[in-house]
Amino acid sequence: MRTDGSQISGIRLCAIIALGCALGACMVGPDYRRPAVNTPAHYQELTGWTAATPADSAPKGDWWTDFHDPLLDQLEPMVAVSNQTVRQDLANYQQALAQVSLARSELFPVFGVAGSATRSGGGSAIVGTPGTGFGAASTGTVINAASLEGTASWSLDLWGAVRRLVEQNVASAQAGAAILANATLSEQTLLAISVIELRLADAGIDLQQRTVDAYRESLAVTEHQGEAGITAAPPSAVITARVALETARANLIGLGVARAQYVHAIAVLVGKNPEELEIPHSTVMPILPAVPVGVPSTLLQRRPDIAAAERNMAAQNAAVGIAVSAYYPTLSLSAAAGFSQAPLDGLLHAANHVWSIGASGAETLLDFGTRRAEVAAAKAAYEAAVANYRATVLTAFQQVENDLSGLRILAEQAQALDVAVRDAERGTQIALAEFQAGTVDYTTVAQAQEVQLADQLSALSVQQSRLVDAVALIGDLGGGWSDTQLRDPPVTP
């Protein structure tokens, strides 16, 4: 069997590629291992050991439905679609996916094709018979040349620099996915809090309206007592009752400012202009849900901000490998094959076939500490990512403990205020009855009404704080999110 030069060159190219693939199995730099963090066995605010709640009872996705508020059910799904903060993080995640595809493409050869064609010739001349005076024009020589060539080049990933880059970009894309989930959860919890504040603003308006009605009734009684000449209702009492009514009316009007601002904030959160959203006054109040907490160890898998910090660690660890690979030589392969002919006729004949194959390598011998500094910088960046991860975990534990303590203490305060409100309402009724009987002056009624209003406002404030803490606890527990959602990102075509 006869073997020509092109076959030999092909065999050599295959051998070099096989060698490159074998050497490409090497990967320098440290392999990633998630650092350990100190995780308590249970939350301090929960008595004794608290077993993990089964996954089917934890909030998932539509966690806001546990508040049984129709406005929340209507608006919350719009956050993931129309909220501009979420859309920004979505675009950042899509950019990270493109970077993954870009890095993966560097693992493969680059193929190309090139062609050229030229036509050239000399100047014209006069050709004639000597002595006759006659001649003819003659053109110079015309040359046609052409070439058609396919090329291939491949920078071998001998020490895993490109694979470490892929590893880094994959981890960064996963961190981007976690950041996107965290932004969505944050904006959803902010919307829930804004809706709760709106509902409590409506409840405050209703309370203030009832106060205005009560003060109007007290003023009528005071004026009637004064007209009857009862000593318990002097003119000063009428003035005091009128001032109380006018002040209550002014406060009622002022509550509209806060309500309007809550509506505007809700509109922006769902991606609308403030004038595009109208929310009518409602007496519906969200229901305080029972939030399954679980054990602290589950928090590491349920919070997207913790997952983002952990993936950033993995990306920085891969960056160390990229920096270390700079100590090793690089090797590139190139090949070309095609046809070249002058003149143009018969370009694609076998006799005009040309080819080339080559390899090039490079190694830095002296860089005055550049590579050493880059490795040191990469390691320092990794240590910073580790510290950030552990700090994020500690902050998560702190936030959950704060939410739990807030819910516990506010529940006790709500019980005490319920008793205080009932007693204050009873006290106002008694004071008004005694005033009508002429046994006490109007000051007693005014003081009883002030105490009642203050206790009722405090009760509303505590109710709002409990609902807000419940939303915060759901958000701080991850809102039903899980790090199992962070799979290998898809390749962008």
Foldseek 3Di string as FASTA:
>chain_A
DDDDPVNVVVVVVVVVVVVLVVLLVAADFDADDFDDFDFDQFFPLDPDGDAFDPLVPAFADPNVCLQVDVVLVVQLVLLCPAQPVLVVLVVVLVVLLQQLLVLVVLQDKDKDKDKDKDKDWDAKDWADDPPPPDTDIDGTDIKIKMWIKMKIKHWRNSHCLSVLSSQLSLLQSLLSVLVSLLVSLVLSLVLLLLVQVLLLLLVVLVLLVVLLVVLVVVLVLLVVCVVVVQPLRDPVLNVVSVVSNVVSVVVSVVSVVSNLVSQQVNQNSSNHHSVVDDDDRDNDHTDQGDHRQRGLVLLCFQRSNLSSLSSNLSSLSSQLSNLVCLQDKIKMKMKMKIFIDMPPPPGRPPVRIDMDIDMDMDHDDDDPCPSVVSNVVSVVSSVVSSVVSNVVSVVLSVQLSVLSVLLVVLVVVLVVLVVQLVVLVVQLVVQSVCVSVSNHHCVSNVVSSVSNSVSVVVNSVSVSSNNSSSSSNCSSSNSSGGSVVSDRDDNDD
